[in-house]
Amino acid sequence: MTIPFISADDMRGGLNFAGLIEALRTEHLNESPEMERTLMTQEMSEASDRSYVAWHAWTHDDLLSVKLITVFPDNPQAQVPIPAIHALITLFDGHHGRPLALLDGTELTNWKTAAETALATDLLARKDAQSLLIVGAGALAPYHIRALLTARPGISRVMVWNRSRSKAMKMSEDMTTPIEIIDDLSLAVQEADIIVTLTSASEPLVRGAWLKPGTHLSLVGSFTPTMREVDDEVMRRGKIFVDTHQFSVEHCGDLVQPIAAGVISAADIQADLFALCQNSHPGRSNEVEITVFKNAGGAHLDMYAAKFCLACCADNVN
């Protein structure tokens, strides 16, 4: 039996953010809150500073996916540099267990993560939001800019801050959208309507004291308990939402640390992305409150994205 391999090039040629964002919205909308949610598990093994992660998701009688991730931090410093993170996703028929496709998990993760951020931002940011600040100019930044401009075409100003200005400038050269490279992060935070953090910082970069009323923040970095992108005041001032409690509360430093310190509690989390999409929680209730969304990812999101990718790209795969 031959199954298709959907490469990064296949995805770049076949995927679009408008469709992927709506596919994620539909998947969240169609899952009943009364029934058992997608079975999700995470396994992790570490050797020295290298790690291997396996994420599994299974919607019974529909789909089953397995995402395998390797993280080798020394790769970029090797004599022949290669990326530190590699991933593959296998998609199976959930009823019979028949394999449907093998996908480049690194590229699909970039699309999925940006689409999730864009969906949550569309649900939570003020409708008149016009200015976007991207904190971090790594691999995820251009995907997020494209996804957010798709979800919110009213954005007229895009700012990017990065510790290394040259890296931000290089990223902006490959974008068709005009980008402002920002040196003063505090000033940019004060001016932004929407802020997206995409860093691996271990100390907070964004301060709650800088935020103006009505700001929306989507936090994408901070995927381990020791990582932190925003300070306690952001979490104290913000109305907090997550994609899932399972992956957010236990693993992400921007929630783990302030909860452990008693700054906030898990009960302060208003709702997850399922509730927001199904309108069982209204999300933002006025124009002055600060909303915070933690994008922690999750195996179910990879499965939803892989399903959409297979529909878009399979016919063009050799």
C-alpha atoms as a PDB file:
ATOM      1  CA  MET A   1       0.000   0.000   0.000  1.00  0.00           C
ATOM      2  CA  THR A   2       1.371   3.408  -0.993  1.00  0.00           C
ATOM      3  CA  ILE A   3       0.385   6.487   0.955  1.00  0.00           C
ATOM      4  CA  PRO A   4       1.177  10.066  -0.093  1.00  0.00           C
ATOM      5  CA  PHE A   5       4.005  12.041   1.462  1.00  0.00           C
ATOM      6  CA  ILE A   6       3.039  15.713   1.599  1.00  0.00           C
ATOM      7  CA  SER A   7       6.218  17.785   1.621  1.00  0.00           C
ATOM      8  CA  ALA A   8       6.871  21.354   2.701  1.00  0.00           C
ATOM      9  CA  ASP A   9       6.865  22.412  -0.962  1.00  0.00           C
ATOM     10  CA  ASP A  10       3.499  20.717  -1.469  1.00  0.00           C
ATOM     11  CA  MET A  11       2.086  22.666   1.454  1.00  0.00           C
ATOM     12  CA  ARG A  12       3.487  25.990   0.283  1.00  0.00           C
ATOM     13  CA  GLY A  13       1.881  25.418  -3.085  1.00  0.00           C
ATOM     14  CA  GLY A  14      -1.434  24.013  -1.892  1.00  0.00           C
ATOM     15  CA  LEU A  15      -2.350  25.533   1.471  1.00  0.00           C
ATOM     16  CA  ASN A  16      -3.951  28.893   2.172  1.00  0.00           C
ATOM     17  CA  PHE A  17      -4.588  30.593   5.471  1.00  0.00           C
ATOM     18  CA  ALA A  18      -8.177  31.570   4.772  1.00  0.00           C
ATOM     19  CA  GLY A  19      -9.141  27.938   4.344  1.00  0.00           C
ATOM     20  CA  LEU A  20      -7.031  26.623   7.216  1.00  0.00           C
ATOM     21  CA  ILE A  21      -8.343  29.180   9.707  1.00  0.00           C
ATOM     22  CA  GLU A  22     -11.923  28.323   8.795  1.00  0.00           C
ATOM     23  CA  ALA A  23     -11.143  24.597   8.955  1.00  0.00           C
ATOM     24  CA  LEU A  24      -9.873  25.000  12.525  1.00  0.00           C
ATOM     25  CA  ARG A  25     -12.937  27.072  13.403  1.00  0.00           C
ATOM     26  CA  THR A  26     -15.240  24.394  11.988  1.00  0.00           C
ATOM     27  CA  GLU A  27     -13.497  21.535  13.799  1.00  0.00           C
ATOM     28  CA  HIS A  28     -13.810  23.374  17.129  1.00  0.00           C
ATOM     29  CA  LEU A  29     -17.409  24.307  16.391  1.00  0.00           C
ATOM     30  CA  ASN A  30     -18.494  20.777  15.528  1.00  0.00           C
ATOM     31  CA  GLU A  31     -17.137  19.017  18.609  1.00  0.00           C
ATOM     32  CA  SER A  32     -19.864  18.745  21.218  1.00  0.00           C
ATOM     33  CA  PRO A  33     -18.801  19.918  24.688  1.00  0.00           C
ATOM     34  CA  GLU A  34     -20.968  17.174  26.215  1.00  0.00           C
ATOM     35  CA  MET A  35     -19.123  14.303  24.541  1.00  0.00           C
ATOM     36  CA  GLU A  36     -15.665  13.048  25.341  1.00  0.00           C
ATOM     37  CA  ARG A  37     -13.201  15.344  23.635  1.00  0.00           C
ATOM     38  CA  THR A  38     -10.453  14.171  21.373  1.00  0.00           C
ATOM     39  CA  LEU A  39      -8.195  11.651  23.086  1.00  0.00           C
ATOM     40  CA  MET A  40      -4.851  13.449  23.413  1.00  0.00           C
ATOM     41  CA  THR A  41      -1.609  12.205  24.910  1.00  0.00           C
ATOM     42  CA  GLN A  42       1.958  13.444  24.989  1.00  0.00           C
ATOM     43  CA  GLU A  43       5.104  11.411  25.545  1.00  0.00           C
ATOM     44  CA  MET A  44       8.576  12.873  25.907  1.00  0.00           C
ATOM     45  CA  SER A  45      12.059  11.391  26.210  1.00  0.00           C
ATOM     46  CA  GLU A  46      15.254  13.335  26.847  1.00  0.00           C
ATOM     47  CA  ALA A  47      18.952  12.532  26.522  1.00  0.00           C
ATOM     48  CA  SER A  48      21.203  15.354  27.678  1.00  0.00           C
ATOM     49  CA  ASP A  49      19.804  18.482  25.998  1.00  0.00           C
ATOM     50  CA  ARG A  50      18.237  16.523  23.145  1.00  0.00           C
ATOM     51  CA  SER A  51      14.617  15.474  23.238  1.00  0.00           C
ATOM     52  CA  TYR A  52      11.993  13.482  21.396  1.00  0.00           C
ATOM     53  CA  VAL A  53       8.269  14.159  21.698  1.00  0.00           C
ATOM     54  CA  ALA A  54       5.286  12.154  20.450  1.00  0.00           C
ATOM     55  CA  TRP A  55       1.828  13.728  20.334  1.00  0.00           C
ATOM     56  CA  HIS A  56      -1.207  11.546  19.656  1.00  0.00           C
ATOM     57  CA  ALA A  57      -4.784  12.540  18.867  1.00  0.00           C
ATOM     58  CA  TRP A  58      -7.761  10.340  18.076  1.00  0.00           C
ATOM     59  CA  THR A  59     -11.315  11.278  17.275  1.00  0.00           C
ATOM     60  CA  HIS A  60     -12.915   7.866  17.310  1.00  0.00           C
ATOM     61  CA  ASP A  61     -14.336   6.630  13.977  1.00  0.00           C
ATOM     62  CA  ASP A  62     -12.887   9.689  12.241  1.00  0.00           C
ATOM     63  CA  LEU A  63      -9.144  10.319  12.399  1.00  0.00           C
ATOM     64  CA  LEU A  64      -6.047   9.371  14.354  1.00  0.00           C
ATOM     65  CA  SER A  65      -2.754  11.260  14.099  1.00  0.00           C
ATOM     66  CA  VAL A  66       0.728  10.823  15.519  1.00  0.00           C
ATOM     67  CA  LYS A  67       3.237  13.666  15.470  1.00  0.00           C
ATOM     68  CA  LEU A  68       6.896  12.842  16.105  1.00  0.00           C
ATOM     69  CA  ILE A  69       9.244  15.696  16.992  1.00  0.00           C
ATOM     70  CA  THR A  70      13.003  15.750  17.585  1.00  0.00           C
ATOM     71  CA  VAL A  71      14.737  18.707  19.221  1.00  0.00           C
ATOM     72  CA  PHE A  72      18.541  18.813  18.878  1.00  0.00           C
ATOM     73  CA  PRO A  73      19.592  22.340  19.956  1.00  0.00           C
ATOM     74  CA  ASP A  74      23.200  22.024  18.712  1.00  0.00           C
ATOM     75  CA  ASN A  75      22.200  21.430  15.084  1.00  0.00           C
ATOM     76  CA  PRO A  76      22.385  25.102  13.984  1.00  0.00           C
ATOM     77  CA  GLN A  77      25.986  25.324  15.274  1.00  0.00           C
ATOM     78  CA  ALA A  78      27.158  22.180  13.456  1.00  0.00           C
ATOM     79  CA  GLN A  79      29.786  22.339  10.699  1.00  0.00           C
ATOM     80  CA  VAL A  80      26.925  21.893   8.261  1.00  0.00           C
ATOM     81  CA  PRO A  81      24.072  23.709  10.059  1.00  0.00           C
ATOM     82  CA  ILE A  82      20.604  22.191  10.008  1.00  0.00           C
ATOM     83  CA  PRO A  83      17.442  23.177  11.927  1.00  0.00           C
ATOM     84  CA  ALA A  84      17.162  22.184  15.568  1.00  0.00           C
ATOM     85  CA  ILE A  85      13.614  20.858  15.248  1.00  0.00           C
ATOM     86  CA  HIS A  86      12.297  18.223  12.854  1.00  0.00           C
ATOM     87  CA  ALA A  87       8.856  16.641  12.784  1.00  0.00           C
ATOM     88  CA  LEU A  88       6.667  14.171  10.915  1.00  0.00           C
ATOM     89  CA  ILE A  89       2.913  13.662  11.156  1.00  0.00           C
ATOM     90  CA  THR A  90       1.168  10.420  10.229  1.00  0.00           C
ATOM     91  CA  LEU A  91      -2.568  10.584   9.637  1.00  0.00           C
ATOM     92  CA  PHE A  92      -4.716   7.432   9.960  1.00  0.00           C
ATOM     93  CA  ASP A  93      -8.346   6.567   9.351  1.00  0.00           C
ATOM     94  CA  GLY A  94      -9.833   6.543  12.859  1.00  0.00           C
ATOM     95  CA  HIS A  95     -12.280   3.725  12.167  1.00  0.00           C
ATOM     96  CA  HIS A  96     -10.105   1.074  10.513  1.00  0.00           C
ATOM     97  CA  GLY A  97      -6.622   2.338  11.426  1.00  0.00           C
ATOM     98  CA  ARG A  98      -5.636   2.595   7.751  1.00  0.00           C
ATOM     99  CA  PRO A  99      -2.767   5.071   7.103  1.00  0.00           C
ATOM    100  CA  LEU A 100      -3.855   8.019   4.964  1.00  0.00           C
ATOM    101  CA  ALA A 101      -0.792  10.266   4.647  1.00  0.00           C
ATOM    102  CA  LEU A 102       2.650  11.166   5.941  1.00  0.00           C
ATOM    103  CA  LEU A 103       3.280  14.888   6.220  1.00  0.00           C
ATOM    104  CA  ASP A 104       6.229  17.208   6.844  1.00  0.00           C
ATOM    105  CA  GLY A 105       5.427  18.074  10.449  1.00  0.00           C
ATOM    106  CA  THR A 106       7.797  21.033  10.689  1.00  0.00           C
ATOM    107  CA  GLU A 107       6.130  22.961   7.871  1.00  0.00           C
ATOM    108  CA  LEU A 108       2.602  21.990   8.903  1.00  0.00           C
ATOM    109  CA  THR A 109       3.324  23.110  12.466  1.00  0.00           C
ATOM    110  CA  ASN A 110       4.217  26.578  11.161  1.00  0.00           C
ATOM    111  CA  TRP A 111       0.907  26.803   9.300  1.00  0.00           C
ATOM    112  CA  LYS A 112      -1.157  25.304  12.135  1.00  0.00           C
ATOM    113  CA  THR A 113       0.352  27.486  14.859  1.00  0.00           C
ATOM    114  CA  ALA A 114      -0.178  30.691  12.894  1.00  0.00           C
ATOM    115  CA  ALA A 115      -3.722  29.728  11.920  1.00  0.00           C
ATOM    116  CA  GLU A 116      -4.625  29.004  15.542  1.00  0.00           C
ATOM    117  CA  THR A 117      -3.234  32.358  16.651  1.00  0.00           C
ATOM    118  CA  ALA A 118      -5.171  34.101  13.889  1.00  0.00           C
ATOM    119  CA  LEU A 119      -8.409  32.329  14.805  1.00  0.00           C
ATOM    120  CA  ALA A 120      -8.099  33.242  18.490  1.00  0.00           C
ATOM    121  CA  THR A 121      -7.136  36.810  17.622  1.00  0.00           C
ATOM    122  CA  ASP A 122     -10.158  37.154  15.360  1.00  0.00           C
ATOM    123  CA  LEU A 123     -12.368  35.947  18.211  1.00  0.00           C
ATOM    124  CA  LEU A 124     -10.833  38.120  20.927  1.00  0.00           C
ATOM    125  CA  ALA A 125      -9.249  41.281  19.524  1.00  0.00           C
ATOM    126  CA  ARG A 126     -11.246  44.500  19.169  1.00  0.00           C
ATOM    127  CA  LYS A 127     -12.997  44.707  15.808  1.00  0.00           C
ATOM    128  CA  ASP A 128     -11.335  48.057  15.090  1.00  0.00           C
ATOM    129  CA  ALA A 129      -7.795  46.795  15.839  1.00  0.00           C
ATOM    130  CA  GLN A 130      -5.365  48.224  13.276  1.00  0.00           C
ATOM    131  CA  SER A 131      -1.823  47.845  14.642  1.00  0.00           C
ATOM    132  CA  LEU A 132      -0.001  44.524  15.056  1.00  0.00           C
ATOM    133  CA  LEU A 133       3.234  43.923  16.968  1.00  0.00           C
ATOM    134  CA  ILE A 134       5.171  40.701  16.425  1.00  0.00           C
ATOM    135  CA  VAL A 135       7.714  40.009  19.177  1.00  0.00           C
ATOM    136  CA  GLY A 136      10.345  37.688  17.733  1.00  0.00           C
ATOM    137  CA  ALA A 137      11.527  37.287  14.126  1.00  0.00           C
ATOM    138  CA  GLY A 138      12.092  33.528  13.996  1.00  0.00           C
ATOM    139  CA  ALA A 139      10.625  30.959  11.625  1.00  0.00           C
ATOM    140  CA  LEU A 140       7.053  31.454  12.850  1.00  0.00           C
ATOM    141  CA  ALA A 141       6.963  35.223  12.330  1.00  0.00           C
ATOM    142  CA  PRO A 142       6.226  35.418   8.564  1.00  0.00           C
ATOM    143  CA  TYR A 143       3.543  32.732   8.866  1.00  0.00           C
ATOM    144  CA  HIS A 144       1.866  34.679  11.667  1.00  0.00           C
ATOM    145  CA  ILE A 145       1.938  37.949   9.762  1.00  0.00           C
ATOM    146  CA  ARG A 146       0.271  36.319   6.750  1.00  0.00           C
ATOM    147  CA  ALA A 147      -2.307  34.502   8.882  1.00  0.00           C
ATOM    148  CA  LEU A 148      -3.229  37.553  10.952  1.00  0.00           C
ATOM    149  CA  LEU A 149      -3.590  39.789   7.903  1.00  0.00           C
ATOM    150  CA  THR A 150      -5.874  37.132   6.425  1.00  0.00           C
ATOM    151  CA  ALA A 151      -8.056  36.932   9.537  1.00  0.00           C
ATOM    152  CA  ARG A 152      -7.983  40.677  10.140  1.00  0.00           C
ATOM    153  CA  PRO A 153      -7.561  42.555   6.832  1.00  0.00           C
ATOM    154  CA  GLY A 154      -8.192  45.818   8.695  1.00  0.00           C
ATOM    155  CA  ILE A 155      -4.663  45.690  10.146  1.00  0.00           C
ATOM    156  CA  SER A 156      -2.806  48.601   8.556  1.00  0.00           C
ATOM    157  CA  ARG A 157       0.429  48.648  10.558  1.00  0.00           C
ATOM    158  CA  VAL A 158       2.765  45.718  11.230  1.00  0.00           C
ATOM    159  CA  MET A 159       5.662  46.166  13.669  1.00  0.00           C
ATOM    160  CA  VAL A 160       8.370  43.594  14.415  1.00  0.00           C
ATOM    161  CA  TRP A 161      10.756  43.592  17.379  1.00  0.00           C
ATOM    162  CA  ASN A 162      13.606  41.147  17.779  1.00  0.00           C
ATOM    163  CA  ARG A 163      16.677  41.075  20.016  1.00  0.00           C
ATOM    164  CA  SER A 164      18.769  41.041  16.845  1.00  0.00           C
ATOM    165  CA  ARG A 165      17.668  43.889  14.586  1.00  0.00           C
ATOM    166  CA  SER A 166      19.512  42.365  11.628  1.00  0.00           C
ATOM    167  CA  LYS A 167      17.460  39.174  11.886  1.00  0.00           C
ATOM    168  CA  ALA A 168      14.236  41.177  11.887  1.00  0.00           C
ATOM    169  CA  MET A 169      15.412  43.154   8.859  1.00  0.00           C
ATOM    170  CA  LYS A 170      16.300  39.978   6.972  1.00  0.00           C
ATOM    171  CA  MET A 171      12.875  38.522   7.709  1.00  0.00           C
ATOM    172  CA  SER A 172      11.135  41.696   6.530  1.00  0.00           C
ATOM    173  CA  GLU A 173      13.002  41.614   3.192  1.00  0.00           C
ATOM    174  CA  ASP A 174      11.201  38.387   2.285  1.00  0.00           C
ATOM    175  CA  MET A 175       7.746  39.817   3.059  1.00  0.00           C
ATOM    176  CA  THR A 176       5.471  41.561   0.568  1.00  0.00           C
ATOM    177  CA  THR A 177       3.778  43.394   3.458  1.00  0.00           C
ATOM    178  CA  PRO A 178       5.500  46.602   4.663  1.00  0.00           C
ATOM    179  CA  ILE A 179       7.131  45.939   8.039  1.00  0.00           C
ATOM    180  CA  GLU A 180       8.352  48.444  10.633  1.00  0.00           C
ATOM    181  CA  ILE A 181      11.431  47.226  12.507  1.00  0.00           C
ATOM    182  CA  ILE A 182      11.113  48.443  16.103  1.00  0.00           C
ATOM    183  CA  ASP A 183      13.968  49.106  18.514  1.00  0.00           C
ATOM    184  CA  ASP A 184      11.962  50.302  21.551  1.00  0.00           C
ATOM    185  CA  LEU A 185       9.794  47.368  22.643  1.00  0.00           C
ATOM    186  CA  SER A 186       8.065  49.275  25.452  1.00  0.00           C
ATOM    187  CA  LEU A 187       6.918  52.019  23.092  1.00  0.00           C
ATOM    188  CA  ALA A 188       5.700  49.515  20.505  1.00  0.00           C
ATOM    189  CA  VAL A 189       3.698  47.615  23.148  1.00  0.00           C
ATOM    190  CA  GLN A 190       2.036  50.865  24.200  1.00  0.00           C
ATOM    191  CA  GLU A 191       0.989  51.541  20.598  1.00  0.00           C
ATOM    192  CA  ALA A 192      -0.113  48.059  19.510  1.00  0.00           C
ATOM    193  CA  ASP A 193      -3.721  46.854  19.383  1.00  0.00           C
ATOM    194  CA  ILE A 194      -2.634  43.224  18.858  1.00  0.00           C
ATOM    195  CA  ILE A 195       0.581  41.693  20.242  1.00  0.00           C
ATOM    196  CA  VAL A 196       1.892  38.235  19.301  1.00  0.00           C
ATOM    197  CA  THR A 197       4.916  36.815  21.146  1.00  0.00           C
ATOM    198  CA  LEU A 198       7.001  34.223  19.293  1.00  0.00           C
ATOM    199  CA  THR A 199      10.132  33.823  21.398  1.00  0.00           C
ATOM    200  CA  SER A 200      11.947  31.262  23.512  1.00  0.00           C
ATOM    201  CA  ALA A 201      12.586  33.795  26.283  1.00  0.00           C
ATOM    202  CA  SER A 202      13.148  32.577  29.825  1.00  0.00           C
ATOM    203  CA  GLU A 203      12.569  36.055  31.300  1.00  0.00           C
ATOM    204  CA  PRO A 204       9.540  38.259  30.554  1.00  0.00           C
ATOM    205  CA  LEU A 205       9.841  40.619  27.602  1.00  0.00           C
ATOM    206  CA  VAL A 206       6.401  42.271  27.611  1.00  0.00           C
ATOM    207  CA  ARG A 207       5.357  44.183  30.739  1.00  0.00           C
ATOM    208  CA  GLY A 208       1.772  44.606  31.836  1.00  0.00           C
ATOM    209  CA  ALA A 209       2.408  48.210  32.824  1.00  0.00           C
ATOM    210  CA  TRP A 210       3.039  49.023  29.142  1.00  0.00           C
ATOM    211  CA  LEU A 211      -0.318  47.745  27.868  1.00  0.00           C
ATOM    212  CA  LYS A 212      -3.015  50.173  26.823  1.00  0.00           C
ATOM    213  CA  PRO A 213      -6.687  49.348  27.478  1.00  0.00           C
ATOM    214  CA  GLY A 214      -8.253  47.121  24.849  1.00  0.00           C
ATOM    215  CA  THR A 215      -5.073  45.319  23.807  1.00  0.00           C
ATOM    216  CA  HIS A 216      -5.165  41.661  22.755  1.00  0.00           C
ATOM    217  CA  LEU A 217      -2.135  39.395  23.299  1.00  0.00           C
ATOM    218  CA  SER A 218      -1.539  35.958  21.808  1.00  0.00           C
ATOM    219  CA  LEU A 219       1.327  34.153  23.558  1.00  0.00           C
ATOM    220  CA  VAL A 220       2.918  31.475  21.379  1.00  0.00           C
ATOM    221  CA  GLY A 221       6.348  30.863  22.927  1.00  0.00           C
ATOM    222  CA  SER A 222       6.695  29.693  26.534  1.00  0.00           C
ATOM    223  CA  PHE A 223       6.106  26.007  25.763  1.00  0.00           C
ATOM    224  CA  THR A 224       8.024  24.753  28.822  1.00  0.00           C
ATOM    225  CA  PRO A 225       7.522  25.619  32.518  1.00  0.00           C
ATOM    226  CA  THR A 226      10.816  27.564  32.634  1.00  0.00           C
ATOM    227  CA  MET A 227      10.032  29.834  29.677  1.00  0.00           C
ATOM    228  CA  ARG A 228       8.352  33.203  30.072  1.00  0.00           C
ATOM    229  CA  GLU A 229       7.375  35.921  27.577  1.00  0.00           C
ATOM    230  CA  VAL A 230       5.164  38.213  29.679  1.00  0.00           C
ATOM    231  CA  ASP A 231       5.295  39.305  33.313  1.00  0.00           C
ATOM    232  CA  ASP A 232       2.841  38.740  36.163  1.00  0.00           C
ATOM    233  CA  GLU A 233       1.143  42.078  35.552  1.00  0.00           C
ATOM    234  CA  VAL A 234       0.079  41.021  32.052  1.00  0.00           C
ATOM    235  CA  MET A 235      -1.609  37.949  33.502  1.00  0.00           C
ATOM    236  CA  ARG A 236      -3.079  39.901  36.407  1.00  0.00           C
ATOM    237  CA  ARG A 237      -4.588  42.550  34.108  1.00  0.00           C
ATOM    238  CA  GLY A 238      -5.636  40.189  31.344  1.00  0.00           C
ATOM    239  CA  LYS A 239      -8.791  38.204  30.753  1.00  0.00           C
ATOM    240  CA  ILE A 240      -7.187  34.816  30.069  1.00  0.00           C
ATOM    241  CA  PHE A 241      -8.118  32.223  27.436  1.00  0.00           C
ATOM    242  CA  VAL A 242      -6.357  29.033  26.296  1.00  0.00           C
ATOM    243  CA  ASP A 243      -6.608  26.570  23.421  1.00  0.00           C
ATOM    244  CA  THR A 244      -6.894  23.663  25.870  1.00  0.00           C
ATOM    245  CA  HIS A 245      -6.412  23.476  29.611  1.00  0.00           C
ATOM    246  CA  GLN A 246      -4.548  20.184  29.208  1.00  0.00           C
ATOM    247  CA  PHE A 247      -1.555  21.551  27.330  1.00  0.00           C
ATOM    248  CA  SER A 248      -1.566  25.115  28.677  1.00  0.00           C
ATOM    249  CA  VAL A 249      -1.803  24.912  32.439  1.00  0.00           C
ATOM    250  CA  GLU A 250       0.671  22.089  32.961  1.00  0.00           C
ATOM    251  CA  HIS A 251       3.426  22.960  30.500  1.00  0.00           C
ATOM    252  CA  CYS A 252       3.607  26.690  29.699  1.00  0.00           C
ATOM    253  CA  GLY A 253       5.623  29.015  31.914  1.00  0.00           C
ATOM    254  CA  ASP A 254       3.430  32.051  31.298  1.00  0.00           C
ATOM    255  CA  LEU A 255       0.689  30.165  33.139  1.00  0.00           C
ATOM    256  CA  VAL A 256       2.655  27.710  35.293  1.00  0.00           C
ATOM    257  CA  GLN A 257       4.756  30.357  37.029  1.00  0.00           C
ATOM    258  CA  PRO A 258       2.079  32.949  37.966  1.00  0.00           C
ATOM    259  CA  ILE A 259      -0.244  30.151  39.119  1.00  0.00           C
ATOM    260  CA  ALA A 260       2.509  28.697  41.316  1.00  0.00           C
ATOM    261  CA  ALA A 261       3.217  32.163  42.740  1.00  0.00           C
ATOM    262  CA  GLY A 262      -0.451  32.789  43.520  1.00  0.00           C
ATOM    263  CA  VAL A 263      -0.693  35.725  41.126  1.00  0.00           C
ATOM    264  CA  ILE A 264      -3.543  33.995  39.301  1.00  0.00           C
ATOM    265  CA  SER A 265      -5.253  30.626  39.626  1.00  0.00           C
ATOM    266  CA  ALA A 266      -6.371  28.078  37.057  1.00  0.00           C
ATOM    267  CA  ALA A 267      -9.914  29.230  37.815  1.00  0.00           C
ATOM    268  CA  ASP A 268      -9.048  32.619  36.311  1.00  0.00           C
ATOM    269  CA  ILE A 269      -8.888  31.031  32.858  1.00  0.00           C
ATOM    270  CA  GLN A 270     -12.137  32.104  31.236  1.00  0.00           C
ATOM    271  CA  ALA A 271     -12.571  29.511  28.487  1.00  0.00           C
ATOM    272  CA  ASP A 272     -10.834  27.413  25.861  1.00  0.00           C
ATOM    273  CA  LEU A 273     -10.908  27.700  22.078  1.00  0.00           C
ATOM    274  CA  PHE A 274     -13.768  25.203  21.803  1.00  0.00           C
ATOM    275  CA  ALA A 275     -15.998  27.405  23.981  1.00  0.00           C
ATOM    276  CA  LEU A 276     -15.012  30.531  22.062  1.00  0.00           C
ATOM    277  CA  CYS A 277     -15.760  28.982  18.670  1.00  0.00           C
ATOM    278  CA  GLN A 278     -19.077  27.573  19.910  1.00  0.00           C
ATOM    279  CA  ASN A 279     -19.988  30.934  21.463  1.00  0.00           C
ATOM    280  CA  SER A 280     -20.650  29.327  24.828  1.00  0.00           C
ATOM    281  CA  HIS A 281     -18.345  32.054  26.168  1.00  0.00           C
ATOM    282  CA  PRO A 282     -18.662  35.569  24.720  1.00  0.00           C
ATOM    283  CA  GLY A 283     -14.915  36.258  24.801  1.00  0.00           C
ATOM    284  CA  ARG A 284     -14.247  39.990  24.931  1.00  0.00           C
ATOM    285  CA  SER A 285     -17.070  41.835  26.688  1.00  0.00           C
ATOM    286  CA  ASN A 286     -15.993  45.458  26.163  1.00  0.00           C
ATOM    287  CA  GLU A 287     -13.521  47.618  24.276  1.00  0.00           C
ATOM    288  CA  VAL A 288     -11.201  48.390  27.176  1.00  0.00           C
ATOM    289  CA  GLU A 289     -10.431  45.014  28.710  1.00  0.00           C
ATOM    290  CA  ILE A 290      -7.148  43.299  27.938  1.00  0.00           C
ATOM    291  CA  THR A 291      -7.472  39.785  26.511  1.00  0.00           C
ATOM    292  CA  VAL A 292      -4.710  37.169  26.662  1.00  0.00           C
ATOM    293  CA  PHE A 293      -4.725  33.931  24.666  1.00  0.00           C
ATOM    294  CA  LYS A 294      -2.210  31.163  25.308  1.00  0.00           C
ATOM    295  CA  ASN A 295      -1.436  29.184  22.163  1.00  0.00           C
ATOM    296  CA  ALA A 296       0.032  25.975  23.571  1.00  0.00           C
ATOM    297  CA  GLY A 297      -0.688  23.816  20.550  1.00  0.00           C
ATOM    298  CA  GLY A 298      -1.872  20.274  21.015  1.00  0.00           C
ATOM    299  CA  ALA A 299      -2.150  17.010  19.142  1.00  0.00           C
ATOM    300  CA  HIS A 300      -5.749  17.693  18.107  1.00  0.00           C
ATOM    301  CA  LEU A 301      -4.713  20.850  16.245  1.00  0.00           C
ATOM    302  CA  ASP A 302      -2.078  18.954  14.281  1.00  0.00           C
ATOM    303  CA  MET A 303      -4.752  16.415  13.357  1.00  0.00           C
ATOM    304  CA  TYR A 304      -7.198  19.109  12.236  1.00  0.00           C
ATOM    305  CA  ALA A 305      -4.495  20.813  10.161  1.00  0.00           C
ATOM    306  CA  ALA A 306      -3.327  17.519   8.640  1.00  0.00           C
ATOM    307  CA  LYS A 307      -6.905  16.722   7.608  1.00  0.00           C
ATOM    308  CA  PHE A 308      -7.205  20.058   5.818  1.00  0.00           C
ATOM    309  CA  CYS A 309      -3.767  19.655   4.261  1.00  0.00           C
ATOM    310  CA  LEU A 310      -4.607  16.216   2.875  1.00  0.00           C
ATOM    311  CA  ALA A 311      -7.761  17.610   1.265  1.00  0.00           C
ATOM    312  CA  CYS A 312      -5.835  20.501  -0.298  1.00  0.00           C
ATOM    313  CA  CYS A 313      -2.599  18.855  -1.357  1.00  0.00           C
ATOM    314  CA  ALA A 314      -3.079  15.110  -1.957  1.00  0.00           C
ATOM    315  CA  ASP A 315      -4.075  15.447  -5.632  1.00  0.00           C
ATOM    316  CA  ASN A 316      -0.826  17.292  -6.407  1.00  0.00           C
ATOM    317  CA  VAL A 317       1.488  14.811  -4.695  1.00  0.00           C
ATOM    318  CA  ASN A 318       3.470  12.488  -6.951  1.00  0.00           C
END
